[in-house]
Amino acid sequence: MIVKIITDSGANSFEPLIGGVPHRSVPLTLIVNGQSWSDDPQLDLANFQQALKNTKTATSSACPSVGAWLQSFAGADQVYVLTITSALSGSYNSAVQAAKLYLADHPETKIHVFDTKSAGPQVRLLASQLAILINHQYPFDEIIQLMNQQIQQTDLLFVLAELDNLANNGRVSPAIAKLTHLLNLYVYGTASDVGAFKLLGKLRGGKRMLHKIVTVMEKQGYIGGRVFIDHVDCREKAARLASAISARYPNAIINITACGALCSYYAESGGLMIGFEK
């Protein structure tokens, strides 16, 4: 029996296997200054980030097409799809529509689409947990039930150093974006229960900032489980955060990955996204 884990590119996961289980990433598209960028391993991330930094106009993203999802399902007996939050993208709805069409022609296949209500490292963490259940040969329906529980038992924290793209798209005031940079402030937030990105507060940059991030994680329920840290061109900062977590929780298992285009689009240069078990 062939089982697939499929994510959209909002998971920052482009490997062909997750925990030994076949994996496929379906790309979203970013539009900057009229140019389209497909969020896949062939994308020149440095050039994309520079284009995003240089633009002064509104940018946008486009979810994967139904056809792209249909292609990703091909050849599998069981398919588990994890999408970026439906509050931020149409990716979930597109995947659900594709699943209905595919099942009409392949009724013997089993497909389930999860709205993770999150993005980036939390989705990758969920995918790794899903692979464990698949490898232990849990029944399809039981995996769905357990994964719905895991979505509630993991969380996301994002820490933003720049707000220029958010300002260009009218999500924050340009004055606030400029002031945050001048005062060396970081904005931090999480994903709400419905999957909307929710700002929580500001942190002043400096030696103590990373330890304060660990405290924020604890307030959200972190007690020493696995942590996935995704960064936008700031691996050293991510490594220092990992050290701050390890100092408090020596047994914590921590994974560090660079953001792809979509998460770079939202987190911007110097940003961190942290997915963790509660």
C-alpha atoms as a PDB file:
ATOM      1  CA  MET A   1       0.000   0.000   0.000  1.00  0.00           C
ATOM      2  CA  ILE A   2       1.333   3.427  -0.989  1.00  0.00           C
ATOM      3  CA  VAL A   3       0.831   6.194   1.585  1.00  0.00           C
ATOM      4  CA  LYS A   4       1.692   9.852   0.931  1.00  0.00           C
ATOM      5  CA  ILE A   5       2.081  12.908   3.115  1.00  0.00           C
ATOM      6  CA  ILE A   6       1.379  16.050   1.106  1.00  0.00           C
ATOM      7  CA  THR A   7       1.965  19.592   2.316  1.00  0.00           C
ATOM      8  CA  ASP A   8       1.785  22.910   0.583  1.00  0.00           C
ATOM      9  CA  SER A   9       4.950  24.990   0.546  1.00  0.00           C
ATOM     10  CA  GLY A  10       3.822  26.881   3.638  1.00  0.00           C
ATOM     11  CA  ALA A  11       5.324  23.980   5.621  1.00  0.00           C
ATOM     12  CA  ASN A  12       8.918  24.840   4.563  1.00  0.00           C
ATOM     13  CA  SER A  13       9.401  21.143   3.825  1.00  0.00           C
ATOM     14  CA  PHE A  14      10.674  20.111   0.388  1.00  0.00           C
ATOM     15  CA  GLU A  15      12.201  16.713   1.160  1.00  0.00           C
ATOM     16  CA  PRO A  16      10.983  13.618  -0.747  1.00  0.00           C
ATOM     17  CA  LEU A  17      10.558  11.702   2.520  1.00  0.00           C
ATOM     18  CA  ILE A  18       9.287  12.622   5.986  1.00  0.00           C
ATOM     19  CA  GLY A  19      10.189   9.971   8.535  1.00  0.00           C
ATOM     20  CA  GLY A  20      10.599   7.508   5.683  1.00  0.00           C
ATOM     21  CA  VAL A  21       7.106   8.230   4.299  1.00  0.00           C
ATOM     22  CA  PRO A  22       6.852   9.596   0.720  1.00  0.00           C
ATOM     23  CA  HIS A  23       6.253  13.350   0.772  1.00  0.00           C
ATOM     24  CA  ARG A  24       5.235  15.885  -1.850  1.00  0.00           C
ATOM     25  CA  SER A  25       5.258  19.673  -1.511  1.00  0.00           C
ATOM     26  CA  VAL A  26       2.704  21.596  -3.604  1.00  0.00           C
ATOM     27  CA  PRO A  27       3.896  25.189  -4.197  1.00  0.00           C
ATOM     28  CA  LEU A  28       2.084  28.414  -3.571  1.00  0.00           C
ATOM     29  CA  THR A  29       2.941  31.391  -5.786  1.00  0.00           C
ATOM     30  CA  LEU A  30       4.138  34.832  -4.683  1.00  0.00           C
ATOM     31  CA  ILE A  31       3.703  37.955  -6.816  1.00  0.00           C
ATOM     32  CA  VAL A  32       6.171  40.790  -6.278  1.00  0.00           C
ATOM     33  CA  ASN A  33       6.343  43.772  -8.676  1.00  0.00           C
ATOM     34  CA  GLY A  34       4.318  41.796 -11.187  1.00  0.00           C
ATOM     35  CA  GLN A  35       6.753  38.856 -11.168  1.00  0.00           C
ATOM     36  CA  SER A  36       5.525  35.405 -10.121  1.00  0.00           C
ATOM     37  CA  TRP A  37       7.668  33.189  -7.911  1.00  0.00           C
ATOM     38  CA  SER A  38       6.771  29.514  -7.477  1.00  0.00           C
ATOM     39  CA  ASP A  39       7.644  28.438  -3.931  1.00  0.00           C
ATOM     40  CA  ASP A  40       9.600  25.302  -4.775  1.00  0.00           C
ATOM     41  CA  PRO A  41      13.224  24.095  -4.403  1.00  0.00           C
ATOM     42  CA  GLN A  42      14.216  25.746  -7.709  1.00  0.00           C
ATOM     43  CA  LEU A  43      13.304  29.235  -6.476  1.00  0.00           C
ATOM     44  CA  ASP A  44      16.285  31.585  -5.964  1.00  0.00           C
ATOM     45  CA  LEU A  45      15.470  32.506  -2.380  1.00  0.00           C
ATOM     46  CA  ALA A  46      18.100  35.241  -2.065  1.00  0.00           C
ATOM     47  CA  ASN A  47      16.803  37.026  -5.168  1.00  0.00           C
ATOM     48  CA  PHE A  48      13.205  36.651  -3.997  1.00  0.00           C
ATOM     49  CA  GLN A  49      13.997  38.112  -0.585  1.00  0.00           C
ATOM     50  CA  GLN A  50      15.844  41.018  -2.221  1.00  0.00           C
ATOM     51  CA  ALA A  51      12.906  41.705  -4.541  1.00  0.00           C
ATOM     52  CA  LEU A  52      10.550  41.651  -1.562  1.00  0.00           C
ATOM     53  CA  LYS A  53      12.802  44.020   0.375  1.00  0.00           C
ATOM     54  CA  ASN A  54      13.111  46.464  -2.519  1.00  0.00           C
ATOM     55  CA  THR A  55       9.442  46.723  -3.464  1.00  0.00           C
ATOM     56  CA  LYS A  56       7.329  49.643  -2.288  1.00  0.00           C
ATOM     57  CA  THR A  57       4.074  48.308  -3.733  1.00  0.00           C
ATOM     58  CA  ALA A  58       1.532  45.775  -2.539  1.00  0.00           C
ATOM     59  CA  THR A  59       2.449  42.124  -3.011  1.00  0.00           C
ATOM     60  CA  SER A  60       0.265  39.025  -3.038  1.00  0.00           C
ATOM     61  CA  SER A  61       0.179  35.237  -2.906  1.00  0.00           C
ATOM     62  CA  ALA A  62      -1.823  32.613  -4.786  1.00  0.00           C
ATOM     63  CA  CYS A  63      -2.785  29.180  -3.506  1.00  0.00           C
ATOM     64  CA  PRO A  64      -2.042  25.963  -5.419  1.00  0.00           C
ATOM     65  CA  SER A  65      -4.505  25.139  -8.168  1.00  0.00           C
ATOM     66  CA  VAL A  66      -6.894  22.202  -7.937  1.00  0.00           C
ATOM     67  CA  GLY A  67      -4.905  20.626 -10.768  1.00  0.00           C
ATOM     68  CA  ALA A  68      -1.644  20.840  -8.806  1.00  0.00           C
ATOM     69  CA  TRP A  69      -3.256  19.050  -5.873  1.00  0.00           C
ATOM     70  CA  LEU A  70      -4.729  16.395  -8.174  1.00  0.00           C
ATOM     71  CA  GLN A  71      -1.280  15.629  -9.600  1.00  0.00           C
ATOM     72  CA  SER A  72       0.147  15.204  -6.102  1.00  0.00           C
ATOM     73  CA  PHE A  73      -2.448  12.548  -5.180  1.00  0.00           C
ATOM     74  CA  ALA A  74      -1.642  10.277  -8.124  1.00  0.00           C
ATOM     75  CA  GLY A  75      -0.559   6.719  -7.384  1.00  0.00           C
ATOM     76  CA  ALA A  76      -1.359   6.666  -3.666  1.00  0.00           C
ATOM     77  CA  ASP A  77      -3.742   4.398  -1.762  1.00  0.00           C
ATOM     78  CA  GLN A  78      -3.891   6.727   1.245  1.00  0.00           C
ATOM     79  CA  VAL A  79      -3.220  10.473   1.221  1.00  0.00           C
ATOM     80  CA  TYR A  80      -2.853  12.811   4.176  1.00  0.00           C
ATOM     81  CA  VAL A  81      -2.751  16.519   3.292  1.00  0.00           C
ATOM     82  CA  LEU A  82      -1.573  19.250   5.668  1.00  0.00           C
ATOM     83  CA  THR A  83      -2.237  22.810   4.489  1.00  0.00           C
ATOM     84  CA  ILE A  84      -1.369  26.264   5.730  1.00  0.00           C
ATOM     85  CA  THR A  85      -4.171  27.850   7.759  1.00  0.00           C
ATOM     86  CA  SER A  86      -7.338  28.523   5.779  1.00  0.00           C
ATOM     87  CA  ALA A  87      -7.534  31.925   7.508  1.00  0.00           C
ATOM     88  CA  LEU A  88      -4.491  33.016   5.487  1.00  0.00           C
ATOM     89  CA  SER A  89      -4.805  31.180   2.183  1.00  0.00           C
ATOM     90  CA  GLY A  90      -7.237  29.350  -0.082  1.00  0.00           C
ATOM     91  CA  SER A  91      -4.875  26.364  -0.133  1.00  0.00           C
ATOM     92  CA  TYR A  92      -7.084  24.255   2.166  1.00  0.00           C
ATOM     93  CA  ASN A  93     -10.242  24.858   0.114  1.00  0.00           C
ATOM     94  CA  SER A  94      -8.384  24.099  -3.118  1.00  0.00           C
ATOM     95  CA  ALA A  95      -7.070  20.818  -1.663  1.00  0.00           C
ATOM     96  CA  VAL A  96     -10.550  19.820  -0.422  1.00  0.00           C
ATOM     97  CA  GLN A  97     -12.032  20.457  -3.870  1.00  0.00           C
ATOM     98  CA  ALA A  98      -9.256  18.424  -5.481  1.00  0.00           C
ATOM     99  CA  ALA A  99      -9.848  15.548  -3.047  1.00  0.00           C
ATOM    100  CA  LYS A 100     -13.543  15.425  -3.984  1.00  0.00           C
ATOM    101  CA  LEU A 101     -12.719  15.309  -7.680  1.00  0.00           C
ATOM    102  CA  TYR A 102     -10.028  12.664  -7.230  1.00  0.00           C
ATOM    103  CA  LEU A 103     -12.240  10.425  -5.085  1.00  0.00           C
ATOM    104  CA  ALA A 104     -14.989  10.566  -7.694  1.00  0.00           C
ATOM    105  CA  ASP A 105     -12.614   8.873 -10.156  1.00  0.00           C
ATOM    106  CA  HIS A 106     -10.676   6.798  -7.579  1.00  0.00           C
ATOM    107  CA  PRO A 107     -13.229   5.715  -4.946  1.00  0.00           C
ATOM    108  CA  GLU A 108     -10.832   3.109  -3.551  1.00  0.00           C
ATOM    109  CA  THR A 109      -8.371   5.830  -2.444  1.00  0.00           C
ATOM    110  CA  LYS A 110      -8.556   7.398   1.003  1.00  0.00           C
ATOM    111  CA  ILE A 111      -7.775  11.114   1.307  1.00  0.00           C
ATOM    112  CA  HIS A 112      -8.032  13.468   4.256  1.00  0.00           C
ATOM    113  CA  VAL A 113      -7.176  17.184   4.212  1.00  0.00           C
ATOM    114  CA  PHE A 114      -6.184  18.835   7.497  1.00  0.00           C
ATOM    115  CA  ASP A 115      -6.489  22.578   8.015  1.00  0.00           C
ATOM    116  CA  THR A 116      -3.526  22.979  10.372  1.00  0.00           C
ATOM    117  CA  LYS A 117      -4.642  26.502  11.353  1.00  0.00           C
ATOM    118  CA  SER A 118      -0.957  27.358  11.309  1.00  0.00           C
ATOM    119  CA  ALA A 119       2.108  27.632   9.059  1.00  0.00           C
ATOM    120  CA  GLY A 120       5.778  26.822   8.761  1.00  0.00           C
ATOM    121  CA  PRO A 121       7.405  24.878  11.579  1.00  0.00           C
ATOM    122  CA  GLN A 122       4.181  23.826  13.292  1.00  0.00           C
ATOM    123  CA  VAL A 123       3.044  22.195  10.042  1.00  0.00           C
ATOM    124  CA  ARG A 124       6.406  20.417   9.692  1.00  0.00           C
ATOM    125  CA  LEU A 125       6.158  19.241  13.277  1.00  0.00           C
ATOM    126  CA  LEU A 126       2.681  17.874  12.588  1.00  0.00           C
ATOM    127  CA  ALA A 127       3.946  16.143   9.435  1.00  0.00           C
ATOM    128  CA  SER A 128       6.683  14.418  11.430  1.00  0.00           C
ATOM    129  CA  GLN A 129       4.118  13.242  13.991  1.00  0.00           C
ATOM    130  CA  LEU A 130       1.906  12.006  11.162  1.00  0.00           C
ATOM    131  CA  ALA A 131       4.810   9.956   9.765  1.00  0.00           C
ATOM    132  CA  ILE A 132       5.228   8.238  13.137  1.00  0.00           C
ATOM    133  CA  LEU A 133       1.570   7.181  13.156  1.00  0.00           C
ATOM    134  CA  ILE A 134       1.814   5.921   9.570  1.00  0.00           C
ATOM    135  CA  ASN A 135       4.963   3.933  10.332  1.00  0.00           C
ATOM    136  CA  HIS A 136       3.219   2.333  13.303  1.00  0.00           C
ATOM    137  CA  GLN A 137       0.427   1.316  10.905  1.00  0.00           C
ATOM    138  CA  TYR A 138      -2.426   3.025  12.725  1.00  0.00           C
ATOM    139  CA  PRO A 139      -5.749   2.743  10.856  1.00  0.00           C
ATOM    140  CA  PHE A 140      -6.678   5.657   8.559  1.00  0.00           C
ATOM    141  CA  ASP A 141      -9.610   6.902  10.663  1.00  0.00           C
ATOM    142  CA  GLU A 142      -7.612   6.660  13.893  1.00  0.00           C
ATOM    143  CA  ILE A 143      -4.781   8.683  12.372  1.00  0.00           C
ATOM    144  CA  ILE A 144      -7.264  11.422  11.477  1.00  0.00           C
ATOM    145  CA  GLN A 145      -8.558  11.515  15.041  1.00  0.00           C
ATOM    146  CA  LEU A 146      -5.075  11.553  16.579  1.00  0.00           C
ATOM    147  CA  MET A 147      -3.836  14.243  14.197  1.00  0.00           C
ATOM    148  CA  ASN A 148      -6.771  16.508  15.040  1.00  0.00           C
ATOM    149  CA  GLN A 149      -5.657  16.182  18.649  1.00  0.00           C
ATOM    150  CA  GLN A 150      -2.047  16.938  17.697  1.00  0.00           C
ATOM    151  CA  ILE A 151      -3.088  20.177  16.002  1.00  0.00           C
ATOM    152  CA  GLN A 152      -4.415  21.280  19.406  1.00  0.00           C
ATOM    153  CA  GLN A 153      -1.314  20.022  21.230  1.00  0.00           C
ATOM    154  CA  THR A 154       1.204  21.961  19.139  1.00  0.00           C
ATOM    155  CA  ASP A 155       1.571  25.707  18.745  1.00  0.00           C
ATOM    156  CA  LEU A 156       3.271  28.479  16.786  1.00  0.00           C
ATOM    157  CA  LEU A 157       5.143  31.604  17.826  1.00  0.00           C
ATOM    158  CA  PHE A 158       6.511  34.117  15.337  1.00  0.00           C
ATOM    159  CA  VAL A 159       8.982  36.914  16.044  1.00  0.00           C
ATOM    160  CA  LEU A 160       9.322  39.614  13.380  1.00  0.00           C
ATOM    161  CA  ALA A 161      12.266  41.974  12.967  1.00  0.00           C
ATOM    162  CA  GLU A 162      10.845  43.843   9.962  1.00  0.00           C
ATOM    163  CA  LEU A 163       7.296  44.847   9.016  1.00  0.00           C
ATOM    164  CA  ASP A 164       7.884  46.420   5.592  1.00  0.00           C
ATOM    165  CA  ASN A 165       5.867  43.880   3.603  1.00  0.00           C
ATOM    166  CA  LEU A 166       3.029  44.008   6.116  1.00  0.00           C
ATOM    167  CA  ALA A 167       3.063  47.800   5.782  1.00  0.00           C
ATOM    168  CA  ASN A 168       3.053  47.615   1.951  1.00  0.00           C
ATOM    169  CA  ASN A 169      -0.030  45.388   2.112  1.00  0.00           C
ATOM    170  CA  GLY A 170      -1.864  47.621   4.592  1.00  0.00           C
ATOM    171  CA  ARG A 171      -1.700  45.179   7.516  1.00  0.00           C
ATOM    172  CA  VAL A 172       0.247  47.589   9.730  1.00  0.00           C
ATOM    173  CA  SER A 173       0.893  51.329   9.579  1.00  0.00           C
ATOM    174  CA  PRO A 174       4.081  52.355   7.712  1.00  0.00           C
ATOM    175  CA  ALA A 175       4.875  54.612  10.660  1.00  0.00           C
ATOM    176  CA  ILE A 176       4.724  51.648  13.043  1.00  0.00           C
ATOM    177  CA  ALA A 177       6.944  49.593  10.726  1.00  0.00           C
ATOM    178  CA  LYS A 178       9.534  52.374  10.638  1.00  0.00           C
ATOM    179  CA  LEU A 179       9.354  53.027  14.387  1.00  0.00           C
ATOM    180  CA  THR A 180       9.776  49.326  15.189  1.00  0.00           C
ATOM    181  CA  HIS A 181      12.987  49.275  13.151  1.00  0.00           C
ATOM    182  CA  LEU A 182      14.367  52.505  14.622  1.00  0.00           C
ATOM    183  CA  LEU A 183      13.759  51.380  18.210  1.00  0.00           C
ATOM    184  CA  ASN A 184      15.151  47.864  17.642  1.00  0.00           C
ATOM    185  CA  LEU A 185      11.829  46.279  18.558  1.00  0.00           C
ATOM    186  CA  TYR A 186      10.564  42.835  17.578  1.00  0.00           C
ATOM    187  CA  VAL A 187       6.871  42.089  17.167  1.00  0.00           C
ATOM    188  CA  TYR A 188       5.768  38.642  18.328  1.00  0.00           C
ATOM    189  CA  GLY A 189       2.549  36.725  17.941  1.00  0.00           C
ATOM    190  CA  THR A 190       0.892  33.362  17.441  1.00  0.00           C
ATOM    191  CA  ALA A 191      -1.815  31.590  15.461  1.00  0.00           C
ATOM    192  CA  SER A 192      -5.259  31.976  17.026  1.00  0.00           C
ATOM    193  CA  ASP A 193      -7.687  29.105  17.533  1.00  0.00           C
ATOM    194  CA  VAL A 194      -9.201  29.800  14.116  1.00  0.00           C
ATOM    195  CA  GLY A 195      -5.801  30.067  12.456  1.00  0.00           C
ATOM    196  CA  ALA A 196      -5.569  33.842  12.123  1.00  0.00           C
ATOM    197  CA  PHE A 197      -2.188  35.355  12.920  1.00  0.00           C
ATOM    198  CA  LYS A 198      -2.538  37.160  16.236  1.00  0.00           C
ATOM    199  CA  LEU A 199      -0.068  39.796  17.463  1.00  0.00           C
ATOM    200  CA  LEU A 200       0.766  39.470  21.163  1.00  0.00           C
ATOM    201  CA  GLY A 201       3.265  42.212  21.900  1.00  0.00           C
ATOM    202  CA  LYS A 202       6.725  43.699  21.364  1.00  0.00           C
ATOM    203  CA  LEU A 203      10.187  42.725  22.548  1.00  0.00           C
ATOM    204  CA  ARG A 204      13.249  44.945  22.660  1.00  0.00           C
ATOM    205  CA  GLY A 205      16.237  43.456  20.867  1.00  0.00           C
ATOM    206  CA  GLY A 206      19.303  42.574  22.901  1.00  0.00           C
ATOM    207  CA  LYS A 207      20.947  39.762  24.819  1.00  0.00           C
ATOM    208  CA  ARG A 208      17.860  38.981  26.891  1.00  0.00           C
ATOM    209  CA  MET A 209      15.405  38.868  24.006  1.00  0.00           C
ATOM    210  CA  LEU A 210      15.843  35.179  23.182  1.00  0.00           C
ATOM    211  CA  HIS A 211      15.327  34.185  26.821  1.00  0.00           C
ATOM    212  CA  LYS A 212      12.136  36.253  26.817  1.00  0.00           C
ATOM    213  CA  ILE A 213      10.984  34.298  23.759  1.00  0.00           C
ATOM    214  CA  VAL A 214      11.389  31.069  25.739  1.00  0.00           C
ATOM    215  CA  THR A 215       9.243  32.593  28.491  1.00  0.00           C
ATOM    216  CA  VAL A 216       6.549  33.448  25.926  1.00  0.00           C
ATOM    217  CA  MET A 217       6.674  29.838  24.679  1.00  0.00           C
ATOM    218  CA  GLU A 218       6.164  28.632  28.256  1.00  0.00           C
ATOM    219  CA  LYS A 219       3.138  30.890  28.646  1.00  0.00           C
ATOM    220  CA  GLN A 220       1.704  29.173  25.561  1.00  0.00           C
ATOM    221  CA  GLY A 221       2.203  25.767  27.144  1.00  0.00           C
ATOM    222  CA  TYR A 222       5.744  24.680  26.273  1.00  0.00           C
ATOM    223  CA  ILE A 223       7.241  22.286  28.848  1.00  0.00           C
ATOM    224  CA  GLY A 224      10.257  20.869  27.073  1.00  0.00           C
ATOM    225  CA  GLY A 225       8.971  18.945  24.030  1.00  0.00           C
ATOM    226  CA  ARG A 226      10.188  19.104  20.442  1.00  0.00           C
ATOM    227  CA  VAL A 227      10.806  22.481  18.825  1.00  0.00           C
ATOM    228  CA  PHE A 228      11.105  23.333  15.115  1.00  0.00           C
ATOM    229  CA  ILE A 229      12.633  26.755  14.416  1.00  0.00           C
ATOM    230  CA  ASP A 230      12.366  28.302  10.933  1.00  0.00           C
ATOM    231  CA  HIS A 231      14.308  31.465  10.144  1.00  0.00           C
ATOM    232  CA  VAL A 232      14.545  34.084   7.403  1.00  0.00           C
ATOM    233  CA  ASP A 233      18.244  34.592   6.703  1.00  0.00           C
ATOM    234  CA  CYS A 234      19.222  34.569  10.395  1.00  0.00           C
ATOM    235  CA  ARG A 235      20.436  31.069  11.217  1.00  0.00           C
ATOM    236  CA  GLU A 236      22.766  32.386  13.932  1.00  0.00           C
ATOM    237  CA  LYS A 237      19.814  33.950  15.743  1.00  0.00           C
ATOM    238  CA  ALA A 238      17.884  30.690  15.424  1.00  0.00           C
ATOM    239  CA  ALA A 239      20.877  28.791  16.861  1.00  0.00           C
ATOM    240  CA  ARG A 240      21.077  31.203  19.798  1.00  0.00           C
ATOM    241  CA  LEU A 241      17.366  30.671  20.460  1.00  0.00           C
ATOM    242  CA  ALA A 242      17.961  26.916  20.371  1.00  0.00           C
ATOM    243  CA  SER A 243      20.721  27.374  22.959  1.00  0.00           C
ATOM    244  CA  ALA A 244      18.405  29.452  25.168  1.00  0.00           C
ATOM    245  CA  ILE A 245      15.767  26.695  24.994  1.00  0.00           C
ATOM    246  CA  SER A 246      18.345  23.984  25.723  1.00  0.00           C
ATOM    247  CA  ALA A 247      19.671  25.925  28.711  1.00  0.00           C
ATOM    248  CA  ARG A 248      16.232  25.679  30.308  1.00  0.00           C
ATOM    249  CA  TYR A 249      15.248  22.292  28.866  1.00  0.00           C
ATOM    250  CA  PRO A 250      18.413  20.203  28.271  1.00  0.00           C
ATOM    251  CA  ASN A 251      16.452  17.273  26.802  1.00  0.00           C
ATOM    252  CA  ALA A 252      14.568  19.345  24.233  1.00  0.00           C
ATOM    253  CA  ILE A 253      14.903  18.109  20.626  1.00  0.00           C
ATOM    254  CA  ILE A 254      15.335  21.125  18.363  1.00  0.00           C
ATOM    255  CA  ASN A 255      15.373  21.337  14.554  1.00  0.00           C
ATOM    256  CA  ILE A 256      16.407  24.456  12.587  1.00  0.00           C
ATOM    257  CA  THR A 257      15.368  25.120   8.962  1.00  0.00           C
ATOM    258  CA  ALA A 258      15.400  28.116   6.613  1.00  0.00           C
ATOM    259  CA  CYS A 259      12.019  29.497   5.552  1.00  0.00           C
ATOM    260  CA  GLY A 260      10.900  29.042   1.972  1.00  0.00           C
ATOM    261  CA  ALA A 261       9.455  31.880  -0.076  1.00  0.00           C
ATOM    262  CA  LEU A 262       5.962  31.953   1.429  1.00  0.00           C
ATOM    263  CA  CYS A 263       7.100  32.086   5.055  1.00  0.00           C
ATOM    264  CA  SER A 264       9.847  34.559   4.101  1.00  0.00           C
ATOM    265  CA  TYR A 265       7.056  36.655   2.588  1.00  0.00           C
ATOM    266  CA  TYR A 266       5.267  36.817   5.938  1.00  0.00           C
ATOM    267  CA  ALA A 267       8.138  36.635   8.462  1.00  0.00           C
ATOM    268  CA  GLU A 268      10.523  38.905   6.461  1.00  0.00           C
ATOM    269  CA  SER A 269      14.268  39.317   6.930  1.00  0.00           C
ATOM    270  CA  GLY A 270      15.462  38.434  10.423  1.00  0.00           C
ATOM    271  CA  GLY A 271      12.170  36.790  11.352  1.00  0.00           C
ATOM    272  CA  LEU A 272      11.736  33.576  13.324  1.00  0.00           C
ATOM    273  CA  MET A 273       8.869  31.082  13.335  1.00  0.00           C
ATOM    274  CA  ILE A 274       8.789  28.543  16.163  1.00  0.00           C
ATOM    275  CA  GLY A 275       6.617  25.440  16.206  1.00  0.00           C
ATOM    276  CA  PHE A 276       6.543  23.426  19.424  1.00  0.00           C
ATOM    277  CA  GLU A 277       4.823  20.683  21.375  1.00  0.00           C
ATOM    278  CA  LYS A 278       2.739  21.696  24.370  1.00  0.00           C
END
